[in-house]
Amino acid sequence: MSTGTSTKRYETPNHPYQGERIDEESDLLSRYGLKNKEELWRAQSELRRYRREARRLIGESQGDVDAANEAGADFVARLQRLGILDDTESITDVLSLDVTDVLERRLQTVAYRKGVGNSPKQARQFILHGHVVVGDARVTRPSYKVETAEEDLVDFDEISPLADELHPERAEGQ
């Protein structure tokens, strides 16, 4: 057995062809500018992990919501820091999350919403080519989870040619 083997970090759908599911996935791929369905499946698996953890914490407290909130305070705080949960939401709200809640926190989506690119795909390209920074750090992973505190720090790298507002590839009205 090799020591360098990696583990798959997502689960594929159980049934290979379901027209309705495929249509939903294709819509999400185009709306969020994802490269392939694997990226979507990773987000879905991440959401499943969040729900599984919330169910475990609620179950350990035997259905007592106050005890579950206390036991899962760190878990909820982490999801609130990532912006997946609002500050007013509790551990029971994790069970009603949707995959779009996870996809909205990707750097690619946050950068597009801030106007870094004209489309999610263009924002992705700018990130991959190293034109985007979060704070002082250049991030080249479109799947990077942007915390709410970092959201205002997403911008073009100052040494990037795209930092010039007159650059032809810049989004209109920036």
Protein backbone atom coordinates (compact mmCIF):
# COMPACT_ATOMS: atom_id res chain seq x y z
CA MET A 1 0.00 0.00 0.00
CA SER A 2 1.32 3.41 -0.97
CA THR A 3 1.63 6.05 1.73
CA GLY A 4 0.80 8.87 -0.68
CA THR A 5 -2.67 7.69 -1.69
CA SER A 6 -5.36 10.32 -1.39
CA THR A 7 -8.94 9.82 -0.35
CA LYS A 8 -11.83 11.03 -2.43
CA ARG A 9 -13.40 14.02 -0.69
CA TYR A 10 -16.85 13.76 -2.21
CA GLU A 11 -19.61 11.28 -2.92
CA THR A 12 -21.07 10.77 -6.37
CA PRO A 13 -24.83 10.42 -6.89
CA ASN A 14 -26.27 6.96 -6.28
CA HIS A 15 -28.01 6.73 -9.63
CA PRO A 16 -26.04 7.62 -12.79
CA TYR A 17 -28.94 9.04 -14.80
CA GLN A 18 -31.75 11.07 -13.30
CA GLY A 19 -32.82 13.78 -15.68
CA GLU A 20 -34.16 16.14 -13.02
CA ARG A 21 -30.99 15.91 -10.87
CA ILE A 22 -28.78 16.42 -13.92
CA ASP A 23 -30.76 19.53 -14.90
CA GLU A 24 -30.44 20.94 -11.36
CA GLU A 25 -26.70 20.24 -11.34
CA SER A 26 -26.21 21.84 -14.75
CA ASP A 27 -28.10 24.94 -13.57
CA LEU A 28 -25.88 25.23 -10.46
CA LEU A 29 -22.73 24.67 -12.55
CA SER A 30 -23.58 27.56 -14.87
CA ARG A 31 -24.90 29.85 -12.10
CA TYR A 32 -21.75 29.49 -9.97
CA GLY A 33 -19.23 29.03 -12.81
CA LEU A 34 -18.03 25.64 -11.56
CA LYS A 35 -15.54 23.72 -13.70
CA ASN A 36 -17.23 20.33 -13.42
CA LYS A 37 -19.73 18.37 -11.36
CA GLU A 38 -16.99 17.16 -9.04
CA GLU A 39 -16.81 20.66 -7.55
CA LEU A 40 -20.56 20.61 -6.97
CA TRP A 41 -20.39 17.13 -5.44
CA ARG A 42 -17.64 18.35 -3.08
CA ALA A 43 -19.89 21.17 -1.89
CA GLN A 44 -22.78 18.72 -1.44
CA SER A 45 -20.53 16.38 0.55
CA GLU A 46 -19.35 19.29 2.71
CA LEU A 47 -22.99 20.17 3.40
CA ARG A 48 -23.72 16.52 4.30
CA ARG A 49 -20.83 16.61 6.78
CA TYR A 50 -22.23 19.78 8.39
CA ARG A 51 -25.69 18.21 8.71
CA ARG A 52 -24.27 14.95 10.04
CA GLU A 53 -22.31 16.82 12.71
CA ALA A 54 -25.38 18.87 13.67
CA ARG A 55 -27.53 15.72 13.96
CA ARG A 56 -24.84 14.09 16.10
CA LEU A 57 -24.64 17.08 18.44
CA ILE A 58 -28.43 17.34 18.70
CA GLY A 59 -28.67 13.60 19.32
CA GLU A 60 -26.05 13.69 22.06
CA SER A 61 -28.10 16.27 23.90
CA GLN A 62 -31.17 13.99 23.54
CA GLY A 63 -33.27 16.54 21.68
CA ASP A 64 -32.82 19.31 24.28
CA VAL A 65 -32.29 22.32 21.99
CA ASP A 66 -30.58 24.47 24.65
CA ALA A 67 -28.12 21.68 25.48
CA ALA A 68 -27.52 21.08 21.75
CA ASN A 69 -26.79 24.78 21.24
CA GLU A 70 -24.34 24.73 24.13
CA ALA A 71 -22.62 21.54 22.92
CA GLY A 72 -22.37 22.76 19.35
CA ALA A 73 -21.34 26.33 20.13
CA ASP A 74 -17.91 25.92 18.50
CA PHE A 75 -19.43 24.21 15.46
CA VAL A 76 -22.07 26.93 15.03
CA ALA A 77 -19.46 29.65 15.61
CA ARG A 78 -17.30 28.19 12.83
CA LEU A 79 -20.25 28.12 10.40
CA GLN A 80 -21.15 31.70 11.37
CA ARG A 81 -17.53 32.79 10.85
CA LEU A 82 -17.64 31.24 7.38
CA GLY A 83 -20.94 33.03 6.68
CA ILE A 84 -22.85 29.80 6.11
CA LEU A 85 -25.08 30.57 9.11
CA ASP A 86 -26.34 34.00 10.20
CA ASP A 87 -25.47 35.29 13.65
CA THR A 88 -29.03 34.66 14.83
CA GLU A 89 -29.21 31.04 13.65
CA SER A 90 -28.61 28.00 15.85
CA ILE A 91 -27.54 24.38 15.40
CA THR A 92 -31.03 23.29 14.32
CA ASP A 93 -30.82 25.69 11.35
CA VAL A 94 -27.88 23.67 9.98
CA LEU A 95 -30.35 20.94 9.02
CA SER A 96 -32.22 23.30 6.68
CA LEU A 97 -29.14 24.53 4.79
CA ASP A 98 -28.95 24.18 1.01
CA VAL A 99 -25.92 23.53 -1.20
CA THR A 100 -26.16 27.13 -2.45
CA ASP A 101 -25.32 28.30 1.10
CA VAL A 102 -21.97 26.51 0.77
CA LEU A 103 -21.37 27.61 -2.84
CA GLU A 104 -22.00 31.27 -1.95
CA ARG A 105 -18.96 31.26 0.36
CA ARG A 106 -16.47 30.17 -2.31
CA LEU A 107 -13.89 32.80 -3.27
CA GLN A 108 -15.03 32.51 -6.88
CA THR A 109 -18.60 33.52 -5.97
CA VAL A 110 -17.60 36.21 -3.46
CA ALA A 111 -15.19 37.75 -5.99
CA TYR A 112 -17.88 37.75 -8.70
CA ARG A 113 -20.44 39.34 -6.34
CA LYS A 114 -17.88 42.04 -5.46
CA GLY A 115 -17.44 42.80 -9.17
CA VAL A 116 -13.97 41.30 -9.67
CA GLY A 117 -15.19 39.63 -12.86
CA ASN A 118 -17.99 40.13 -15.36
CA SER A 119 -19.08 36.50 -14.82
CA PRO A 120 -18.34 33.74 -12.31
CA LYS A 121 -16.12 32.05 -14.90
CA GLN A 122 -14.10 35.22 -15.45
CA ALA A 123 -13.72 35.68 -11.69
CA ARG A 124 -12.48 32.07 -11.55
CA GLN A 125 -9.92 32.76 -14.26
CA PHE A 126 -8.64 35.89 -12.49
CA ILE A 127 -8.25 33.85 -9.28
CA LEU A 128 -6.43 30.99 -11.00
CA HIS A 129 -4.07 33.41 -12.76
CA GLY A 130 -3.13 35.02 -9.44
CA HIS A 131 -4.82 38.41 -9.89
CA VAL A 132 -6.93 38.20 -6.72
CA VAL A 133 -5.86 38.65 -3.10
CA VAL A 134 -7.68 38.11 0.19
CA GLY A 135 -6.17 40.65 2.55
CA ASP A 136 -2.44 40.50 1.84
CA ALA A 137 -2.41 36.89 0.60
CA ARG A 138 -2.73 35.89 -3.02
CA VAL A 139 -5.20 33.00 -3.27
CA THR A 140 -5.29 30.86 -6.41
CA ARG A 141 -7.99 28.39 -5.28
CA PRO A 142 -11.50 29.31 -6.46
CA SER A 143 -12.91 26.90 -3.83
CA TYR A 144 -11.28 28.83 -0.94
CA LYS A 145 -13.92 29.47 1.75
CA VAL A 146 -14.07 33.20 2.45
CA GLU A 147 -14.84 34.07 6.06
CA THR A 148 -17.19 36.98 6.69
CA ALA A 149 -14.34 39.02 8.19
CA GLU A 150 -12.31 38.55 4.98
CA GLU A 151 -15.15 39.40 2.60
CA ASP A 152 -14.26 43.10 2.30
CA LEU A 153 -10.58 42.22 1.76
CA VAL A 154 -11.18 40.43 -1.58
CA ASP A 155 -9.71 42.58 -4.36
CA PHE A 156 -7.24 42.64 -7.23
CA ASP A 157 -3.55 42.24 -6.37
CA GLU A 158 -1.91 45.67 -6.50
CA ILE A 159 0.87 44.36 -8.79
CA SER A 160 -1.63 42.81 -11.20
CA PRO A 161 -2.27 44.63 -14.48
CA LEU A 162 -5.97 44.21 -13.66
CA ALA A 163 -5.59 46.55 -10.68
CA ASP A 164 -5.73 49.40 -13.21
CA GLU A 165 -9.38 50.45 -13.45
CA LEU A 166 -8.98 51.18 -17.16
CA HIS A 167 -7.89 47.61 -17.99
CA PRO A 168 -10.15 46.28 -20.80
CA GLU A 169 -10.99 43.05 -18.91
CA ARG A 170 -12.20 44.85 -15.78
CA ALA A 171 -15.89 44.65 -14.95
CA GLU A 172 -17.96 47.61 -16.05
CA GLY A 173 -18.51 50.32 -13.46
CA GLN A 174 -15.66 49.50 -11.08
